[in-house]
C-alpha cells in the first residue's frame, strides 16, 4: 500500500492531537517558547520601527471586533494583528532558533494568539496548536535548511509560514482535509529572499511578520472550503521541497553534516512520539544565533582563567563552516578572509566578550566598561582583528570551541555544546531575569509574565495574556 502523502500524515496527526496526548516535556517546552516570545513582545515595543508598523496596521486594518494588538486597547483584523504582533516580537531580537536559520517564535505565536482569541480558545488549545506548528517546522526544515539558503531563499520565513498555517488551521478547527488544504496554500504563500541579508538590505525586518500573516491567511482560506489542496504539495515533483531545496527526492546541495541525501520518509518518522521541538534553543543577545554560544563561552573562559584583553595574542574560534558563511553557503555576506566587521561578524562578538567579559542581553544595559552603543564599541572594534575564525565541516552547529593564545605563550581551550542552550521553562525563566531592565514595569512586570505563562494551560481565554502585555508597557 502506498504511504499517505507527507501533508496527509501531518494533517491527520494534527487534526487528532489533544492536550492529553502531549508529553509533559513538550508542554513545558511550548510554555518556554511562549514565554520567550512574549518577553520579546514587551521589549520590542521600544523599537521605532515596530511602533510605526503598529500604527500603520491599526490605520489600515483596524477592526473593532478583531484581534488584539500588543500594548494597545485597539484591535485589528486577524492577519493584521498577527503581522503587528510579530513585528513587536521580531524587533526585540529575542528569537528562538532551530538549525541556525529558522526562528518560528515571532511567526507562530502571534498567529496562534490571534486565532485563539477570536476562536474563544483556552490555554490548552493554544499549547496543542503551538506543538503542532513547531513540530511541523522542525520536521520540514530539519536537514534541508542549508539547501534552501543555497537557492537564495531565507529559510526563516519559508518554513515558519508553514508552521503558522498549521497552527492557524488547528485553532480554526479544520478537519484533516482542511489541514491538507492549509498546508498546500501555505506552500504557495511561503516567501523570503537572501539577497537582502547578503548585501545589507533590511527587508528581512518584515520577513517574519509577513510569514505570520501568510500563515493565518492560509488557514482562513482553507476554512472557506473552496480550496482543494494538492495532495503532494510538499514532495510533489513541482512542490515545496523541489522549489525551496532543489529536489523532491531528498537530494541536498549543502548540509551541516556533509550528507547529500535524506530519506523523505524520515520527515514524518516518529511523528507524535519523537518531538524534535524539544531541541529548540533561545537567543538572549541581539545578534545572530551562532554568535550566542561564542559570547557565552568567551565570557566563561575569561571568568575561569582570569586573563585580560591586553594579555591576549590571538583568539581562535572553531565553528561549523556554514555558520561562517551567513546567510548562505552559496551567497555569503562576509568571506572568512575579509576584515571583521563591527556589530556583524563573530570576530566582533568574541572580541566584545573578551574585552568586557559579557555582552548585553536584550533589554539590558551594556557592561559599565563598555560603550553605550554595543554594536560599535571602540574597545571591541580595536580588538577584533585578533580573532580568527576556524571553519570546520565536522563541528556540530552552535557548538563552538575557542582557543585563547596569550602573549606569554600560554593557551586556554574551551568548548560549548548545543544542548546548553536548549532550556526548559524554569531554565529560560531564570535566564530572562537579565532582561528585566527593558520592561517598563521592571522586575514586577517580568515576574507577572512568567507566572501567567507558567500556568497558561489553566487559562480559559487569552484575555489574561493581552491584559498583562498592556500593563507591562505602561
Protein backbone atom coordinates (compact mmCIF):
# COMPACT_ATOMS: atom_id res chain seq x y z
CA UNK A 1 0.00 0.00 0.00
CA UNK A 2 1.28 3.44 -0.90
CA UNK A 3 2.01 5.63 2.11
CA UNK A 4 -0.15 8.73 2.55
CA UNK A 5 1.34 11.98 1.34
CA UNK A 6 3.53 13.93 3.74
CA UNK A 7 0.83 16.60 4.01
CA UNK A 8 -1.80 13.96 4.77
CA UNK A 9 0.31 12.43 7.53
CA UNK A 10 0.84 15.80 9.21
CA UNK A 11 -2.80 16.80 8.75
CA UNK A 12 -4.11 13.55 10.21
CA UNK A 13 -1.81 13.83 13.22
CA UNK A 14 -2.62 17.49 13.80
CA UNK A 15 -6.38 17.07 13.45
CA UNK A 16 -6.46 14.29 16.03
CA UNK A 17 -3.95 15.68 18.54
CA UNK A 18 -5.29 16.52 22.01
CA UNK A 19 -3.71 18.13 25.04
CA UNK A 20 -3.74 14.80 26.86
CA UNK A 21 -1.57 13.32 24.09
CA UNK A 22 1.33 15.69 24.75
CA UNK A 23 4.23 14.51 26.92
CA UNK A 24 4.99 16.74 29.90
CA UNK A 25 8.39 17.87 28.47
CA UNK A 26 6.65 19.03 25.28
CA UNK A 27 4.11 21.08 27.24
CA UNK A 28 6.93 22.59 29.29
CA UNK A 29 8.91 23.44 26.15
CA UNK A 30 5.92 25.09 24.47
CA UNK A 31 5.40 27.23 27.56
CA UNK A 32 9.09 28.20 27.42
CA UNK A 33 8.79 29.15 23.74
CA UNK A 34 5.70 31.21 24.54
CA UNK A 35 7.41 33.00 27.44
CA UNK A 36 10.44 33.80 25.31
CA UNK A 37 8.34 35.31 22.52
CA UNK A 38 6.08 37.31 24.83
CA UNK A 39 9.11 38.72 26.63
CA UNK A 40 10.33 39.79 23.20
CA UNK A 41 6.93 41.32 22.54
CA UNK A 42 7.38 43.59 25.55
CA UNK A 43 10.97 44.55 24.72
CA UNK A 44 10.12 45.16 21.06
CA UNK A 45 7.75 47.96 21.99
CA UNK A 46 10.84 50.20 22.36
CA UNK A 47 11.55 49.93 18.63
CA UNK A 48 10.59 52.92 16.49
CA UNK A 49 10.22 50.60 13.51
CA UNK A 50 7.82 48.33 15.39
CA UNK A 51 5.84 51.32 16.62
CA UNK A 52 5.42 52.52 13.04
CA UNK A 53 4.24 49.08 11.94
CA UNK A 54 1.65 49.03 14.72
CA UNK A 55 0.38 52.49 13.76
CA UNK A 56 0.19 51.51 10.10
CA UNK A 57 -1.62 48.27 10.88
CA UNK A 58 -4.23 49.96 13.07
CA UNK A 59 -4.77 52.67 10.45
CA UNK A 60 -5.13 50.24 7.55
CA UNK A 61 -6.58 47.16 9.22
CA UNK A 62 -8.17 48.36 12.44
CA UNK A 63 -11.28 46.33 13.31
CA UNK A 64 -13.27 46.94 16.49
CA UNK A 65 -14.23 43.28 16.87
CA UNK A 66 -10.89 41.97 15.64
CA UNK A 67 -7.81 40.55 17.38
CA UNK A 68 -5.78 42.41 20.00
CA UNK A 69 -2.57 44.22 19.10
CA UNK A 70 0.00 44.09 21.92
CA UNK A 71 0.31 47.13 24.21
CA UNK A 72 -2.86 48.78 22.90
CA UNK A 73 -6.58 48.75 23.60
CA UNK A 74 -7.18 48.57 19.86
CA UNK A 75 -7.83 45.62 17.62
CA UNK A 76 -7.13 44.72 14.01
CA UNK A 77 -8.02 42.05 11.51
CA UNK A 78 -6.81 38.59 12.35
CA UNK A 79 -3.99 38.88 9.82
CA UNK A 80 -3.20 42.47 10.78
CA UNK A 81 -2.84 41.62 14.47
CA UNK A 82 -0.57 38.69 13.63
CA UNK A 83 1.55 40.98 11.45
CA UNK A 84 1.85 43.78 14.02
CA UNK A 85 2.48 41.49 17.00
CA UNK A 86 5.05 39.55 15.04
CA UNK A 87 6.91 42.76 14.34
CA UNK A 88 6.90 43.67 18.04
CA UNK A 89 8.49 40.31 18.90
CA UNK A 90 10.87 40.40 15.95
CA UNK A 91 12.08 43.92 16.79
CA UNK A 92 13.37 42.70 20.17
CA UNK A 93 15.88 40.27 18.58
CA UNK A 94 14.72 37.79 21.22
CA UNK A 95 14.10 34.82 18.91
CA UNK A 96 14.00 31.11 19.37
CA UNK A 97 16.12 29.20 16.87
CA UNK A 98 16.16 25.82 15.16
CA UNK A 99 19.00 24.60 12.96
CA UNK A 100 20.64 28.03 12.87
CA UNK A 101 18.45 29.82 10.31
CA UNK A 102 14.84 29.31 11.36
CA UNK A 103 13.13 31.43 14.06
CA UNK A 104 9.48 30.42 14.37
CA UNK A 105 8.57 32.23 17.62
CA UNK A 106 7.88 35.67 16.10
CA UNK A 107 5.73 33.94 13.46
CA UNK A 108 3.84 31.11 15.12
CA UNK A 109 2.97 32.74 18.43
CA UNK A 110 1.27 35.89 17.03
CA UNK A 111 -0.70 33.66 14.62
CA UNK A 112 -1.70 31.39 17.50
CA UNK A 113 -2.79 34.24 19.78
CA UNK A 114 -4.92 35.95 17.13
CA UNK A 115 -6.71 32.74 16.21
CA UNK A 116 -7.09 31.60 19.81
CA UNK A 117 -8.57 34.93 20.85
CA UNK A 118 -11.11 35.12 18.05
CA UNK A 119 -11.90 31.42 18.31
CA UNK A 120 -12.50 31.68 22.07
CA UNK A 121 -9.89 29.01 22.76
CA UNK A 122 -8.32 28.23 26.11
CA UNK A 123 -4.73 27.74 27.21
CA UNK A 124 -4.66 24.03 26.47
CA UNK A 125 -5.91 24.69 22.93
CA UNK A 126 -3.10 27.21 22.50
CA UNK A 127 -0.46 24.73 23.66
CA UNK A 128 -1.69 21.98 21.34
CA UNK A 129 -1.75 24.29 18.31
CA UNK A 130 1.76 25.54 19.02
CA UNK A 131 3.04 21.98 19.47
CA UNK A 132 1.58 21.12 16.07
CA UNK A 133 3.10 24.16 14.37
CA UNK A 134 6.54 23.96 15.94
CA UNK A 135 6.91 20.27 15.22
CA UNK A 136 5.83 20.83 11.62
CA UNK A 137 8.52 23.49 11.21
CA UNK A 138 11.20 21.27 12.71
CA UNK A 139 10.44 18.28 10.55
CA UNK A 140 10.14 20.24 7.32
CA UNK A 141 13.29 22.26 7.95
CA UNK A 142 15.48 19.73 9.72
CA UNK A 143 18.05 18.61 7.14
CA UNK A 144 17.00 20.98 4.38
CA UNK A 145 17.86 24.43 5.71
CA UNK A 146 21.32 24.85 4.09
CA UNK A 147 19.98 23.70 0.70
CA UNK A 148 17.12 26.20 0.98
CA UNK A 149 19.53 29.03 1.78
CA UNK A 150 21.75 27.98 -1.12
CA UNK A 151 18.86 28.54 -3.54
CA UNK A 152 18.67 32.18 -2.46
CA UNK A 153 15.72 31.76 -0.10
CA UNK A 154 15.79 32.80 3.55
CA UNK A 155 14.74 29.68 5.47
CA UNK A 156 13.20 31.51 8.44
CA UNK A 157 10.07 32.87 6.77
CA UNK A 158 9.81 29.94 4.35
CA UNK A 159 9.45 27.24 6.99
CA UNK A 160 7.73 29.41 9.58
CA UNK A 161 4.93 30.26 7.16
CA UNK A 162 4.19 26.54 7.08
CA UNK A 163 4.14 26.30 10.86
CA UNK A 164 1.92 29.35 11.30
CA UNK A 165 -0.52 27.88 8.80
CA UNK A 166 -0.85 24.61 10.68
CA UNK A 167 -1.19 26.49 13.97
CA UNK A 168 -3.99 28.54 12.42
CA UNK A 169 -5.73 25.56 10.87
CA UNK A 170 -5.71 23.70 14.17
CA UNK A 171 -7.20 26.66 16.06
CA UNK A 172 -9.78 27.14 13.30
CA UNK A 173 -10.93 23.55 13.98
CA UNK A 174 -10.21 22.36 10.44
CA UNK A 175 -10.51 18.67 9.75
CA UNK A 176 -7.89 16.54 8.03
CA UNK A 177 -8.84 17.64 4.51
CA UNK A 178 -8.95 21.26 5.63
CA UNK A 179 -5.45 20.98 7.04
CA UNK A 180 -4.18 19.41 3.82
CA UNK A 181 -5.56 22.44 2.00
CA UNK A 182 -3.96 24.75 4.58
CA UNK A 183 -0.57 23.16 4.01
CA UNK A 184 -0.93 23.45 0.24
CA UNK A 185 -1.90 27.11 0.45
CA UNK A 186 0.97 27.89 2.80
CA UNK A 187 3.41 26.21 0.41
CA UNK A 188 2.23 28.70 -2.21
CA UNK A 189 2.46 31.69 0.14
CA UNK A 190 5.90 31.00 1.66
CA UNK A 191 8.43 33.65 0.68
CA UNK A 192 11.65 35.42 1.62
CA UNK A 193 14.95 36.01 -0.18
CA UNK A 194 18.56 36.10 0.99
CA UNK A 195 19.62 38.96 -1.25
CA UNK A 196 18.85 41.50 1.46
CA UNK A 197 20.89 39.75 4.18
CA UNK A 198 23.66 39.12 1.64
CA UNK A 199 24.17 42.77 0.67
CA UNK A 200 22.95 44.56 3.79
CA UNK A 201 19.35 45.32 2.80
CA UNK A 202 16.87 45.26 5.67
CA UNK A 203 13.73 43.91 4.04
CA UNK A 204 14.15 40.90 6.31
CA UNK A 205 12.71 43.11 9.07
CA UNK A 206 9.26 42.17 7.81
CA UNK A 207 10.00 38.63 6.60
CA UNK A 208 8.74 37.05 9.82
CA UNK A 209 5.75 39.39 10.23
CA UNK A 210 4.66 38.67 6.67
CA UNK A 211 5.14 34.94 7.26
CA UNK A 212 2.79 35.17 10.24
CA UNK A 213 0.22 36.98 8.13
CA UNK A 214 0.56 34.45 5.31
CA UNK A 215 0.17 31.52 7.68
CA UNK A 216 -3.04 32.96 9.12
CA UNK A 217 -4.31 33.70 5.61
CA UNK A 218 -3.67 30.10 4.54
CA UNK A 219 -5.80 28.79 7.39
CA UNK A 220 -8.60 31.25 6.75
CA UNK A 221 -8.75 30.47 3.04
CA UNK A 222 -8.81 26.76 3.75
CA UNK A 223 -11.66 27.31 6.19
CA UNK A 224 -13.72 28.86 3.41
CA UNK A 225 -13.87 25.40 1.88
CA UNK A 226 -13.37 26.34 -1.76
CA UNK A 227 -9.72 25.24 -1.98
CA UNK A 228 -8.75 21.63 -2.56
CA UNK A 229 -5.11 21.41 -1.65
CA UNK A 230 -2.71 19.45 -3.85
CA UNK A 231 -2.22 16.12 -2.10
CA UNK A 232 1.53 16.14 -2.66
CA UNK A 233 2.14 19.87 -2.31
CA UNK A 234 5.27 19.17 -0.27
CA UNK A 235 7.03 16.29 -2.02
CA UNK A 236 5.43 16.57 -5.47
CA UNK A 237 7.71 17.00 -8.48
CA UNK A 238 6.84 20.71 -8.63
CA UNK A 239 6.10 21.06 -4.92
CA UNK A 240 7.52 22.80 -1.87
CA UNK A 241 10.73 20.80 -1.50
CA UNK A 242 11.57 20.98 -5.19
CA UNK A 243 11.07 24.75 -5.16
CA UNK A 244 12.87 25.54 -1.93
CA UNK A 245 15.59 22.86 -1.78
CA UNK A 246 16.07 21.94 -5.45
CA UNK A 247 14.87 18.35 -5.16
CA UNK A 248 11.64 16.49 -4.47
CA UNK A 249 13.64 13.33 -3.71
CA UNK A 250 15.66 14.45 -0.72
CA UNK A 251 18.84 15.38 -2.56
CA UNK A 252 20.83 18.06 -0.71
CA UNK A 253 23.17 20.63 -2.21
CA UNK A 254 24.54 21.61 1.21
CA UNK A 255 24.15 20.28 4.73
CA UNK A 256 25.56 20.90 8.20
CA UNK A 257 26.99 17.39 8.38
CA UNK A 258 28.08 16.82 4.79
CA UNK A 259 25.28 14.40 3.93
CA UNK A 260 23.93 14.61 0.40
CA UNK A 261 20.70 12.63 0.66
CA UNK A 262 17.71 12.50 3.01
CA UNK A 263 15.08 9.77 3.03
CA UNK A 264 11.84 11.70 2.58
CA UNK A 265 10.09 9.17 4.81
CA UNK A 266 12.23 10.42 7.71
CA UNK A 267 10.29 13.70 7.71
CA UNK A 268 7.32 12.05 9.40
CA UNK A 269 9.09 9.11 11.06
CA UNK A 270 8.18 9.00 14.75
CA UNK A 271 5.62 11.80 14.38
CA UNK A 272 3.75 12.22 17.64
CA UNK A 273 6.28 10.17 19.61
CA UNK A 274 9.65 11.80 18.94
CA UNK A 275 9.36 15.58 19.30
CA UNK A 276 12.14 17.47 17.57
CA UNK A 277 10.87 20.75 19.02
CA UNK A 278 12.46 19.82 22.34
CA UNK A 279 15.83 20.83 20.88
CA UNK A 280 14.89 24.47 20.23
CA UNK A 281 17.41 26.95 21.61
CA UNK A 282 16.80 30.50 22.80
CA UNK A 283 18.59 33.66 21.78
CA UNK A 284 19.22 36.23 24.50
CA UNK A 285 21.73 38.52 22.79
CA UNK A 286 20.69 40.84 19.94
CA UNK A 287 22.86 39.11 17.34
CA UNK A 288 22.83 36.02 15.14
CA UNK A 289 22.15 32.71 16.87
CA UNK A 290 25.53 31.19 16.07
CA UNK A 291 27.19 34.05 17.98
CA UNK A 292 25.25 33.29 21.19
CA UNK A 293 27.41 30.35 22.35
CA UNK A 294 30.59 32.15 21.26
CA UNK A 295 29.73 35.03 23.61
CA UNK A 296 28.87 32.70 26.48
CA UNK A 297 31.95 30.53 26.04
CA UNK A 298 34.26 33.54 25.80
CA UNK A 299 32.67 35.02 28.93
CA UNK A 300 33.11 31.75 30.83
CA UNK A 301 36.74 31.34 29.80
CA UNK A 302 37.57 34.90 30.81
CA UNK A 303 35.94 34.30 34.22
CA UNK A 304 37.63 30.93 34.81
CA UNK A 305 41.13 31.83 33.67
CA UNK A 306 41.19 35.49 34.65
CA UNK A 307 43.04 36.79 31.60
CA UNK A 308 42.70 40.40 30.43
CA UNK A 309 42.29 41.57 26.86
CA UNK A 310 45.78 43.07 26.89
CA UNK A 311 47.20 39.61 27.70
CA UNK A 312 45.78 38.03 24.52
CA UNK A 313 47.76 37.45 21.34
CA UNK A 314 45.02 35.67 19.40
CA UNK A 315 41.61 34.07 19.83
CA UNK A 316 40.73 31.15 17.55
CA UNK A 317 37.03 30.36 17.23
CA UNK A 318 36.19 26.99 15.66
CA UNK A 319 32.65 26.79 14.24
CA UNK A 320 30.59 24.77 11.82
CA UNK A 321 31.69 26.01 8.41
CA UNK A 322 28.20 27.08 7.35
CA UNK A 323 27.99 29.37 10.38
CA UNK A 324 30.91 31.35 8.95
CA UNK A 325 29.10 31.86 5.63
CA UNK A 326 25.89 33.64 6.70
CA UNK A 327 23.29 33.90 5.24
CA UNK A 328 24.04 31.07 2.83
CA UNK A 329 26.96 28.85 1.83
CA UNK A 330 26.23 29.77 -1.79
CA UNK A 331 25.71 33.50 -1.14
CA UNK A 332 27.80 34.52 1.89
CA UNK A 333 27.67 38.11 3.00
CA UNK A 334 31.12 38.03 4.55
CA UNK A 335 34.01 35.86 3.50
CA UNK A 336 36.06 34.47 6.36
CA UNK A 337 39.07 36.09 4.70
CA UNK A 338 37.56 39.59 4.78
CA UNK A 339 38.26 42.05 7.55
CA UNK A 340 36.00 41.61 10.61
CA UNK A 341 33.03 43.97 10.79
CA UNK A 342 31.76 45.74 13.88
CA UNK A 343 28.42 44.53 15.18
CA UNK A 344 28.08 41.93 12.45
CA UNK A 345 30.70 39.19 12.38
CA UNK A 346 31.65 36.62 15.01
CA UNK A 347 35.02 38.37 15.35
CA UNK A 348 33.27 41.34 16.93
CA UNK A 349 31.14 39.45 19.45
CA UNK A 350 34.05 37.27 20.59
CA UNK A 351 36.13 40.43 20.94
CA UNK A 352 33.44 42.23 22.91
CA UNK A 353 33.16 39.37 25.41
CA UNK A 354 36.95 39.10 25.66
CA UNK A 355 37.29 42.81 26.39
CA UNK A 356 34.25 43.40 28.61
CA UNK A 357 33.54 39.93 29.99
CA UNK A 358 29.93 39.93 28.79
CA UNK A 359 27.53 41.19 26.12
CA UNK A 360 24.21 42.89 26.98
CA UNK A 361 21.17 40.66 26.65
CA UNK A 362 18.05 42.05 25.01
CA UNK A 363 16.61 44.78 27.20
CA UNK A 364 19.68 45.14 29.43
CA UNK A 365 22.25 47.97 29.51
CA UNK A 366 25.82 47.28 28.36
CA UNK A 367 28.60 46.50 30.89
CA UNK A 368 29.88 49.52 32.81
CA UNK A 369 33.20 49.40 30.97
CA UNK A 370 31.61 49.39 27.53
CA UNK A 371 30.25 51.98 25.13
CA UNK A 372 26.54 52.78 25.26
CA UNK A 373 26.36 51.51 21.66
CA UNK A 374 27.04 47.77 22.00
CA UNK A 375 27.25 47.18 18.25
CA UNK A 376 30.04 49.75 17.78
CA UNK A 377 32.07 49.56 20.94
CA UNK A 378 35.51 51.14 20.30
CA UNK A 379 37.45 48.72 22.51
CA UNK A 380 35.86 45.67 20.87
CA UNK A 381 36.42 47.14 17.41
CA UNK A 382 40.09 47.69 18.18
CA UNK A 383 40.48 44.13 19.48
CA UNK A 384 38.54 42.10 16.90
CA UNK A 385 41.45 41.86 14.48
CA UNK A 386 42.96 39.40 16.95
CA UNK A 387 40.04 36.99 16.48
CA UNK A 388 40.41 34.25 13.87
CA UNK A 389 37.58 32.02 12.66
CA UNK A 390 38.31 28.35 12.01
CA UNK A 391 35.55 26.78 9.86
CA UNK A 392 35.13 23.03 10.45
CA UNK A 393 32.82 20.80 8.45
CA UNK A 394 32.65 18.17 11.17
CA UNK A 395 31.74 20.52 14.03
CA UNK A 396 28.08 20.49 15.16
CA UNK A 397 26.01 23.65 14.85
CA UNK A 398 26.03 26.15 17.70
CA UNK A 399 28.84 24.19 19.36
CA UNK A 400 31.97 26.35 19.08
CA UNK A 401 35.41 25.71 20.51
CA UNK A 402 37.69 28.59 21.49
CA UNK A 403 41.44 28.68 21.92
CA UNK A 404 42.89 31.75 23.62
CA UNK A 405 46.60 32.22 22.99
CA UNK A 406 48.25 34.61 25.44
CA UNK A 407 51.27 36.76 24.71
CA UNK A 408 53.29 34.75 27.24
CA UNK A 409 52.69 31.59 25.21
CA UNK A 410 50.02 30.04 27.44
CA UNK A 411 46.93 28.58 25.79
CA UNK A 412 43.44 28.17 27.21
CA UNK A 413 40.88 25.98 25.46
CA UNK A 414 37.15 25.56 25.90
CA UNK A 415 34.15 24.22 24.04
CA UNK A 416 30.40 24.65 24.20
CA UNK A 417 27.70 22.12 23.37
CA UNK A 418 24.41 22.99 21.71
CA UNK A 419 22.27 21.38 24.40
CA UNK A 420 23.40 24.03 26.89
CA UNK A 421 21.02 26.48 25.18
CA UNK A 422 18.05 24.13 24.83
CA UNK A 423 16.41 25.23 28.07
CA UNK A 424 13.20 24.13 29.75
CA UNK A 425 10.74 26.64 31.21
CA UNK A 426 12.45 27.15 34.56
CA UNK A 427 15.89 27.47 32.98
CA UNK A 428 14.61 30.04 30.50
CA UNK A 429 12.74 31.99 33.18
CA UNK A 430 16.00 32.21 35.14
CA UNK A 431 17.96 33.39 32.10
CA UNK A 432 15.34 36.02 31.24
CA UNK A 433 15.82 37.77 34.58
CA UNK A 434 18.65 39.72 32.96
CA UNK A 435 16.11 41.24 30.53
CA UNK A 436 14.01 42.88 33.27
CA UNK A 437 15.56 46.38 32.82
CA UNK A 438 13.85 46.50 29.43
CA UNK A 439 10.40 46.11 30.98
CA UNK A 440 8.71 49.47 31.67
CA UNK A 441 7.43 47.87 34.88
CA UNK A 442 10.80 46.24 35.60
CA UNK A 443 11.12 43.03 37.57
CA UNK A 444 7.48 43.15 38.66
CA UNK A 445 6.33 43.05 35.04
CA UNK A 446 8.66 40.21 34.08
CA UNK A 447 7.65 38.15 37.11
CA UNK A 448 3.97 38.63 36.31
CA UNK A 449 4.54 37.43 32.75
CA UNK A 450 6.48 34.38 33.93
CA UNK A 451 3.69 33.46 36.33
CA UNK A 452 0.92 33.75 33.77
CA UNK A 453 2.74 31.68 31.17
CA UNK A 454 3.75 29.10 33.77
CA UNK A 455 0.04 28.44 34.31
CA UNK A 456 -1.15 29.04 30.76
CA UNK A 457 -2.80 25.62 30.46
CA UNK A 458 -5.34 26.78 33.05
CA UNK A 459 -6.37 29.98 31.22
CA UNK A 460 -9.97 29.99 29.96
CA UNK A 461 -9.10 32.55 27.27
CA UNK A 462 -6.27 34.74 26.01
CA UNK A 463 -7.53 37.79 27.92
CA UNK A 464 -5.03 37.48 30.78
CA UNK A 465 -2.10 37.43 28.34
CA UNK A 466 -3.22 40.52 26.45
CA UNK A 467 -4.07 42.39 29.63
CA UNK A 468 -0.65 41.63 31.06
CA UNK A 469 1.11 42.82 27.91
CA UNK A 470 -0.89 46.04 28.02
CA UNK A 471 0.03 46.58 31.69
CA UNK A 472 3.70 45.76 31.14
CA UNK A 473 4.05 48.56 28.60
CA UNK A 474 2.82 51.31 30.92
